[in-house]
Amino acid sequence: MLFKKEGAVYIHWHGLVIPNDQDGPGKTIKPGEKYSYSFIVSESGTYWYHSHYRPVLDQVDNGLYAPIIVKAPEDDKYSDDHIYGVR
């Protein structure tokens, strides 16, 4: 992630079991700073992430959120998935 906006950011991952130093305030990214999140997701499912830096609404309203789809090998037989984000 390369964060170019004013102010800092940190990301909160909903539903993912990950190390504390990879979630929320465990890693604050300052403007212009590069950071690569690194963790292994062990459970398939539908998750999402969003900024959790205050004020959250400003960053989320500007699009700092997205779904994360983690597929198990047996999920490859399904091909008609669609992702919708409602704001």
C-alpha atoms as a PDB file:
ATOM      1  CA  MET A   1       0.000   0.000   0.000  1.00  0.00           C
ATOM      2  CA  LEU A   2       1.215   3.487  -0.838  1.00  0.00           C
ATOM      3  CA  PHE A   3      -0.805   6.096   0.967  1.00  0.00           C
ATOM      4  CA  LYS A   4      -0.778   9.483  -0.770  1.00  0.00           C
ATOM      5  CA  LYS A   5      -3.519  11.411   1.042  1.00  0.00           C
ATOM      6  CA  GLU A   6      -3.114  13.848   3.905  1.00  0.00           C
ATOM      7  CA  GLY A   7      -3.194  12.296   7.350  1.00  0.00           C
ATOM      8  CA  ALA A   8      -2.326   8.749   8.331  1.00  0.00           C
ATOM      9  CA  VAL A   9      -4.220   5.511   7.804  1.00  0.00           C
ATOM     10  CA  TYR A  10      -4.429   2.050   9.224  1.00  0.00           C
ATOM     11  CA  ILE A  11      -6.439  -0.858   7.915  1.00  0.00           C
ATOM     12  CA  HIS A  12      -8.869  -3.058   9.805  1.00  0.00           C
ATOM     13  CA  TRP A  13      -9.608  -6.490   8.354  1.00  0.00           C
ATOM     14  CA  HIS A  14     -13.105  -7.775   9.182  1.00  0.00           C
ATOM     15  CA  GLY A  15     -13.312 -11.482   9.943  1.00  0.00           C
ATOM     16  CA  LEU A  16      -9.707 -12.356   9.182  1.00  0.00           C
ATOM     17  CA  VAL A  17      -7.613 -13.995  11.873  1.00  0.00           C
ATOM     18  CA  ILE A  18      -4.276 -12.237  11.443  1.00  0.00           C
ATOM     19  CA  PRO A  19      -1.388 -11.068  13.642  1.00  0.00           C
ATOM     20  CA  ASN A  20      -2.136  -7.969  15.729  1.00  0.00           C
ATOM     21  CA  ASP A  21       0.743  -6.051  14.139  1.00  0.00           C
ATOM     22  CA  GLN A  22      -1.031  -6.338  10.751  1.00  0.00           C
ATOM     23  CA  ASP A  23      -4.401  -5.005  11.897  1.00  0.00           C
ATOM     24  CA  GLY A  24      -5.634  -1.568  12.831  1.00  0.00           C
ATOM     25  CA  PRO A  25      -3.370   0.592  14.962  1.00  0.00           C
ATOM     26  CA  GLY A  26      -0.703  -2.119  14.979  1.00  0.00           C
ATOM     27  CA  LYS A  27       0.568  -0.510  11.771  1.00  0.00           C
ATOM     28  CA  THR A  28      -0.112   3.159  11.051  1.00  0.00           C
ATOM     29  CA  ILE A  29       0.889   4.266   7.542  1.00  0.00           C
ATOM     30  CA  LYS A  30       1.899   7.899   7.189  1.00  0.00           C
ATOM     31  CA  PRO A  31       1.419   9.912   3.964  1.00  0.00           C
ATOM     32  CA  GLY A  32       3.991   8.920   1.342  1.00  0.00           C
ATOM     33  CA  GLU A  33       4.991   5.809   3.291  1.00  0.00           C
ATOM     34  CA  LYS A  34       4.948   2.385   1.611  1.00  0.00           C
ATOM     35  CA  TYR A  35       3.927  -0.711   3.509  1.00  0.00           C
ATOM     36  CA  SER A  36       3.152  -4.275   2.428  1.00  0.00           C
ATOM     37  CA  TYR A  37       0.785  -6.191   4.632  1.00  0.00           C
ATOM     38  CA  SER A  38       1.888  -9.789   4.994  1.00  0.00           C
ATOM     39  CA  PHE A  39      -0.221 -12.545   6.504  1.00  0.00           C
ATOM     40  CA  ILE A  40      -1.669 -15.928   5.592  1.00  0.00           C
ATOM     41  CA  VAL A  41      -5.426 -16.380   5.467  1.00  0.00           C
ATOM     42  CA  SER A  42      -6.338 -19.884   6.601  1.00  0.00           C
ATOM     43  CA  GLU A  43     -10.121 -19.770   6.210  1.00  0.00           C
ATOM     44  CA  SER A  44     -12.025 -19.362   2.948  1.00  0.00           C
ATOM     45  CA  GLY A  45     -14.892 -16.892   2.966  1.00  0.00           C
ATOM     46  CA  THR A  46     -15.990 -13.364   2.201  1.00  0.00           C
ATOM     47  CA  TYR A  47     -14.336 -10.626   4.223  1.00  0.00           C
ATOM     48  CA  TRP A  48     -13.699  -6.912   3.879  1.00  0.00           C
ATOM     49  CA  TYR A  49     -11.253  -4.254   4.928  1.00  0.00           C
ATOM     50  CA  HIS A  50     -11.536  -0.543   5.620  1.00  0.00           C
ATOM     51  CA  SER A  51      -9.626   2.331   7.082  1.00  0.00           C
ATOM     52  CA  HIS A  52      -9.906   2.537  10.843  1.00  0.00           C
ATOM     53  CA  TYR A  53      -7.988   5.768  11.348  1.00  0.00           C
ATOM     54  CA  ARG A  54     -10.021   8.591  12.899  1.00  0.00           C
ATOM     55  CA  PRO A  55     -12.094  10.068  11.415  1.00  0.00           C
ATOM     56  CA  VAL A  56     -12.993   6.774   9.741  1.00  0.00           C
ATOM     57  CA  LEU A  57     -15.872   8.169   7.727  1.00  0.00           C
ATOM     58  CA  ASP A  58     -13.684  10.575   5.728  1.00  0.00           C
ATOM     59  CA  GLN A  59     -11.431   7.809   4.420  1.00  0.00           C
ATOM     60  CA  VAL A  60     -14.180   5.229   3.914  1.00  0.00           C
ATOM     61  CA  ASP A  61     -16.327   7.762   2.034  1.00  0.00           C
ATOM     62  CA  ASN A  62     -13.370   8.304  -0.291  1.00  0.00           C
ATOM     63  CA  GLY A  63     -13.222   4.601  -1.141  1.00  0.00           C
ATOM     64  CA  LEU A  64     -10.755   3.120   1.332  1.00  0.00           C
ATOM     65  CA  TYR A  65     -12.608  -0.173   1.713  1.00  0.00           C
ATOM     66  CA  ALA A  66     -13.112  -3.326  -0.366  1.00  0.00           C
ATOM     67  CA  PRO A  67     -14.256  -6.932  -0.195  1.00  0.00           C
ATOM     68  CA  ILE A  68     -11.783  -9.776   0.056  1.00  0.00           C
ATOM     69  CA  ILE A  69     -12.838 -13.143  -1.354  1.00  0.00           C
ATOM     70  CA  VAL A  70     -10.768 -16.120  -0.233  1.00  0.00           C
ATOM     71  CA  LYS A  71     -11.634 -19.255  -2.179  1.00  0.00           C
ATOM     72  CA  ALA A  72     -11.017 -22.855  -1.214  1.00  0.00           C
ATOM     73  CA  PRO A  73      -9.904 -25.189  -4.031  1.00  0.00           C
ATOM     74  CA  GLU A  74     -13.399 -26.689  -4.262  1.00  0.00           C
ATOM     75  CA  ASP A  75     -14.841 -23.203  -4.900  1.00  0.00           C
ATOM     76  CA  ASP A  76     -13.383 -23.178  -8.418  1.00  0.00           C
ATOM     77  CA  LYS A  77     -16.425 -25.084  -9.713  1.00  0.00           C
ATOM     78  CA  TYR A  78     -18.515 -21.915  -9.173  1.00  0.00           C
ATOM     79  CA  SER A  79     -17.995 -19.196 -11.746  1.00  0.00           C
ATOM     80  CA  ASP A  80     -21.031 -16.918 -11.436  1.00  0.00           C
ATOM     81  CA  ASP A  81     -19.977 -14.949  -8.367  1.00  0.00           C
ATOM     82  CA  HIS A  82     -20.593 -11.216  -8.401  1.00  0.00           C
ATOM     83  CA  ILE A  83     -19.413  -8.624  -5.905  1.00  0.00           C
ATOM     84  CA  TYR A  84     -21.538  -5.598  -5.145  1.00  0.00           C
ATOM     85  CA  GLY A  85     -20.641  -2.743  -2.832  1.00  0.00           C
ATOM     86  CA  VAL A  86     -23.494  -0.546  -1.662  1.00  0.00           C
ATOM     87  CA  ARG A  87     -22.700   2.859  -0.264  1.00  0.00           C
END
